[in-house]
Amino acid sequence: MTTLTTAPAVLSARQQELLERRLETERRDTELAIAQLSGDVSTVQNSRHDSPTDDEHDPEGTTLAFEQSQAAALLRQATSRLDDIDHALSRIGAGTYGICIGCGSAIGSARLGARPYASQCIACAQRASA
């Protein structure tokens, strides 16, 4: 990992301010989604416990097990996104926002515009997912 002490400025103060506001909005929205999804998971779990029927063989649609699995997966994704947003807000406070944690290069403003909580440049993100 590269030291981030002399990284180039990638964003203007105005761009960073706008992205910080967007991150804060996304954080609130994600917290609301997590609360909703947590309720959905609980509702499906209670339905599974309260239902005496064998929904695994119900020809009418999805099973309660599938619904629980889907809601739990969405909850994990939302929780992970919240962590990413919190880390981005921490990087703003530390003065390292917009700098790739992998190579120390500037993260492109287009990438940050599309994914404001990105912590890696495209090249490092591609290497990490390969």
C-alpha atoms as a PDB file:
ATOM      1  CA  MET A   1       0.000   0.000   0.000  1.00  0.00           C
ATOM      2  CA  THR A   2       1.285   3.442  -0.903  1.00  0.00           C
ATOM      3  CA  THR A   3       1.693   6.236   1.627  1.00  0.00           C
ATOM      4  CA  LEU A   4      -0.857   8.967   1.022  1.00  0.00           C
ATOM      5  CA  THR A   5       1.138  11.966   2.215  1.00  0.00           C
ATOM      6  CA  THR A   6       1.858  13.692  -1.113  1.00  0.00           C
ATOM      7  CA  ALA A   7      -1.152  12.674  -3.152  1.00  0.00           C
ATOM      8  CA  PRO A   8      -2.333  15.118  -5.811  1.00  0.00           C
ATOM      9  CA  ALA A   9      -5.427  17.220  -5.249  1.00  0.00           C
ATOM     10  CA  VAL A  10      -8.111  15.634  -7.365  1.00  0.00           C
ATOM     11  CA  LEU A  11     -11.212  17.626  -6.477  1.00  0.00           C
ATOM     12  CA  SER A  12     -11.938  21.278  -6.062  1.00  0.00           C
ATOM     13  CA  ALA A  13     -13.246  22.372  -2.688  1.00  0.00           C
ATOM     14  CA  ARG A  14     -16.686  22.831  -4.259  1.00  0.00           C
ATOM     15  CA  GLN A  15     -16.688  19.339  -5.788  1.00  0.00           C
ATOM     16  CA  GLN A  16     -15.646  17.815  -2.479  1.00  0.00           C
ATOM     17  CA  GLU A  17     -18.331  19.778  -0.632  1.00  0.00           C
ATOM     18  CA  LEU A  18     -21.017  18.552  -3.041  1.00  0.00           C
ATOM     19  CA  LEU A  19     -19.820  14.952  -2.769  1.00  0.00           C
ATOM     20  CA  GLU A  20     -19.743  15.193   1.016  1.00  0.00           C
ATOM     21  CA  ARG A  21     -23.363  16.386   1.051  1.00  0.00           C
ATOM     22  CA  ARG A  22     -24.281  13.555  -1.297  1.00  0.00           C
ATOM     23  CA  LEU A  23     -22.536  11.040   0.966  1.00  0.00           C
ATOM     24  CA  GLU A  24     -24.455  12.366   3.966  1.00  0.00           C
ATOM     25  CA  THR A  25     -27.733  12.040   2.062  1.00  0.00           C
ATOM     26  CA  GLU A  26     -26.842   8.518   0.930  1.00  0.00           C
ATOM     27  CA  ARG A  27     -25.940   7.664   4.515  1.00  0.00           C
ATOM     28  CA  ARG A  28     -29.384   8.732   5.769  1.00  0.00           C
ATOM     29  CA  ASP A  29     -31.106   6.890   2.913  1.00  0.00           C
ATOM     30  CA  THR A  30     -29.060   3.763   3.595  1.00  0.00           C
ATOM     31  CA  GLU A  31     -29.876   3.876   7.313  1.00  0.00           C
ATOM     32  CA  LEU A  32     -33.577   4.039   6.422  1.00  0.00           C
ATOM     33  CA  ALA A  33     -33.169   1.118   4.005  1.00  0.00           C
ATOM     34  CA  ILE A  34     -31.404  -0.915   6.690  1.00  0.00           C
ATOM     35  CA  ALA A  35     -34.237  -0.268   9.142  1.00  0.00           C
ATOM     36  CA  GLN A  36     -36.819  -1.305   6.531  1.00  0.00           C
ATOM     37  CA  LEU A  37     -34.887  -4.412   5.487  1.00  0.00           C
ATOM     38  CA  SER A  38     -34.336  -5.427   9.111  1.00  0.00           C
ATOM     39  CA  GLY A  39     -38.083  -5.250   9.595  1.00  0.00           C
ATOM     40  CA  ASP A  40     -38.642  -7.281   6.431  1.00  0.00           C
ATOM     41  CA  VAL A  41     -36.243  -9.998   7.600  1.00  0.00           C
ATOM     42  CA  SER A  42     -37.975 -10.139  10.988  1.00  0.00           C
ATOM     43  CA  THR A  43     -41.415 -10.297   9.375  1.00  0.00           C
ATOM     44  CA  VAL A  44     -40.424 -13.182   7.115  1.00  0.00           C
ATOM     45  CA  GLN A  45     -38.742 -15.019  10.002  1.00  0.00           C
ATOM     46  CA  ASN A  46     -41.890 -14.662  12.092  1.00  0.00           C
ATOM     47  CA  SER A  47     -44.024 -15.833   9.175  1.00  0.00           C
ATOM     48  CA  ARG A  48     -41.863 -18.911   8.761  1.00  0.00           C
ATOM     49  CA  HIS A  49     -42.171 -19.755  12.446  1.00  0.00           C
ATOM     50  CA  ASP A  50     -45.922 -19.091  12.545  1.00  0.00           C
ATOM     51  CA  SER A  51     -46.803 -20.917   9.334  1.00  0.00           C
ATOM     52  CA  PRO A  52     -47.675 -24.595   9.719  1.00  0.00           C
ATOM     53  CA  THR A  53     -47.705 -25.108   5.949  1.00  0.00           C
ATOM     54  CA  ASP A  54     -44.925 -26.453   3.768  1.00  0.00           C
ATOM     55  CA  ASP A  55     -44.286 -23.421   1.593  1.00  0.00           C
ATOM     56  CA  GLU A  56     -41.340 -25.129  -0.099  1.00  0.00           C
ATOM     57  CA  HIS A  57     -43.810 -26.912  -2.371  1.00  0.00           C
ATOM     58  CA  ASP A  58     -46.262 -24.052  -2.866  1.00  0.00           C
ATOM     59  CA  PRO A  59     -46.930 -23.624  -6.594  1.00  0.00           C
ATOM     60  CA  GLU A  60     -48.285 -20.115  -6.024  1.00  0.00           C
ATOM     61  CA  GLY A  61     -44.983 -18.293  -5.905  1.00  0.00           C
ATOM     62  CA  THR A  62     -41.816 -17.691  -3.951  1.00  0.00           C
ATOM     63  CA  THR A  63     -41.139 -19.492  -0.734  1.00  0.00           C
ATOM     64  CA  LEU A  64     -40.714 -17.824   2.608  1.00  0.00           C
ATOM     65  CA  ALA A  65     -37.163 -19.211   2.694  1.00  0.00           C
ATOM     66  CA  PHE A  66     -36.389 -17.477  -0.603  1.00  0.00           C
ATOM     67  CA  GLU A  67     -37.917 -14.210   0.601  1.00  0.00           C
ATOM     68  CA  GLN A  68     -35.882 -14.382   3.811  1.00  0.00           C
ATOM     69  CA  SER A  69     -32.698 -15.111   1.871  1.00  0.00           C
ATOM     70  CA  GLN A  70     -33.343 -12.235  -0.533  1.00  0.00           C
ATOM     71  CA  ALA A  71     -34.107  -9.738   2.255  1.00  0.00           C
ATOM     72  CA  ALA A  72     -31.030 -10.855   4.206  1.00  0.00           C
ATOM     73  CA  ALA A  73     -28.808 -10.404   1.130  1.00  0.00           C
ATOM     74  CA  LEU A  74     -30.174  -6.900   0.543  1.00  0.00           C
ATOM     75  CA  LEU A  75     -29.589  -6.102   4.214  1.00  0.00           C
ATOM     76  CA  ARG A  76     -25.943  -7.250   3.959  1.00  0.00           C
ATOM     77  CA  GLN A  77     -25.450  -5.093   0.856  1.00  0.00           C
ATOM     78  CA  ALA A  78     -26.952  -2.044   2.540  1.00  0.00           C
ATOM     79  CA  THR A  79     -24.823  -2.560   5.647  1.00  0.00           C
ATOM     80  CA  SER A  80     -21.700  -2.852   3.511  1.00  0.00           C
ATOM     81  CA  ARG A  81     -22.643   0.328   1.616  1.00  0.00           C
ATOM     82  CA  LEU A  82     -23.112   2.148   4.935  1.00  0.00           C
ATOM     83  CA  ASP A  83     -19.608   1.063   5.990  1.00  0.00           C
ATOM     84  CA  ASP A  84     -18.215   2.319   2.657  1.00  0.00           C
ATOM     85  CA  ILE A  85     -19.985   5.665   3.106  1.00  0.00           C
ATOM     86  CA  ASP A  86     -18.665   6.031   6.668  1.00  0.00           C
ATOM     87  CA  HIS A  87     -15.131   5.301   5.474  1.00  0.00           C
ATOM     88  CA  ALA A  88     -15.483   7.906   2.709  1.00  0.00           C
ATOM     89  CA  LEU A  89     -16.670  10.503   5.222  1.00  0.00           C
ATOM     90  CA  SER A  90     -13.684   9.620   7.425  1.00  0.00           C
ATOM     91  CA  ARG A  91     -11.336  10.099   4.459  1.00  0.00           C
ATOM     92  CA  ILE A  92     -12.855  13.537   3.873  1.00  0.00           C
ATOM     93  CA  GLY A  93     -12.108  14.435   7.483  1.00  0.00           C
ATOM     94  CA  ALA A  94      -8.561  13.085   7.161  1.00  0.00           C
ATOM     95  CA  GLY A  95      -7.917  14.924   3.909  1.00  0.00           C
ATOM     96  CA  THR A  96      -7.411  11.729   1.919  1.00  0.00           C
ATOM     97  CA  TYR A  97     -10.744  11.592   0.108  1.00  0.00           C
ATOM     98  CA  GLY A  98     -10.363  11.009  -3.623  1.00  0.00           C
ATOM     99  CA  ILE A  99      -7.026   9.245  -3.206  1.00  0.00           C
ATOM    100  CA  CYS A 100      -6.845   5.525  -4.024  1.00  0.00           C
ATOM    101  CA  ILE A 101      -6.091   3.396  -0.967  1.00  0.00           C
ATOM    102  CA  GLY A 102      -4.369   0.878  -3.238  1.00  0.00           C
ATOM    103  CA  CYS A 103      -1.871   2.924  -5.228  1.00  0.00           C
ATOM    104  CA  GLY A 104      -2.114   6.485  -3.886  1.00  0.00           C
ATOM    105  CA  SER A 105      -3.247   7.910  -7.237  1.00  0.00           C
ATOM    106  CA  ALA A 106      -6.136  10.291  -7.640  1.00  0.00           C
ATOM    107  CA  ILE A 107      -9.521   8.651  -8.110  1.00  0.00           C
ATOM    108  CA  GLY A 108     -11.163  10.177 -11.162  1.00  0.00           C
ATOM    109  CA  SER A 109     -13.906  12.694 -10.542  1.00  0.00           C
ATOM    110  CA  ALA A 110     -16.219  10.752 -12.883  1.00  0.00           C
ATOM    111  CA  ARG A 111     -15.765   7.634 -10.721  1.00  0.00           C
ATOM    112  CA  LEU A 112     -16.423   9.603  -7.549  1.00  0.00           C
ATOM    113  CA  GLY A 113     -19.460  11.168  -9.184  1.00  0.00           C
ATOM    114  CA  ALA A 114     -20.840   7.713  -9.981  1.00  0.00           C
ATOM    115  CA  ARG A 115     -19.733   6.119  -6.708  1.00  0.00           C
ATOM    116  CA  PRO A 116     -18.847   8.805  -4.156  1.00  0.00           C
ATOM    117  CA  TYR A 117     -17.761   6.222  -1.591  1.00  0.00           C
ATOM    118  CA  ALA A 118     -15.200   4.633  -3.932  1.00  0.00           C
ATOM    119  CA  SER A 119     -11.913   4.054  -2.136  1.00  0.00           C
ATOM    120  CA  GLN A 120      -9.960   2.778  -5.125  1.00  0.00           C
ATOM    121  CA  CYS A 121      -9.206   3.993  -8.613  1.00  0.00           C
ATOM    122  CA  ILE A 122     -10.667   1.905 -11.438  1.00  0.00           C
ATOM    123  CA  ALA A 123      -7.397   0.043 -12.078  1.00  0.00           C
ATOM    124  CA  CYS A 124      -7.021  -1.052  -8.436  1.00  0.00           C
ATOM    125  CA  ALA A 125     -10.706  -1.952  -8.163  1.00  0.00           C
ATOM    126  CA  GLN A 126     -10.418  -4.132 -11.269  1.00  0.00           C
ATOM    127  CA  ARG A 127      -7.307  -5.875  -9.890  1.00  0.00           C
ATOM    128  CA  ALA A 128      -9.078  -6.481  -6.583  1.00  0.00           C
ATOM    129  CA  SER A 129     -12.111  -8.059  -8.269  1.00  0.00           C
ATOM    130  CA  ALA A 130     -10.085 -10.267 -10.627  1.00  0.00           C
END
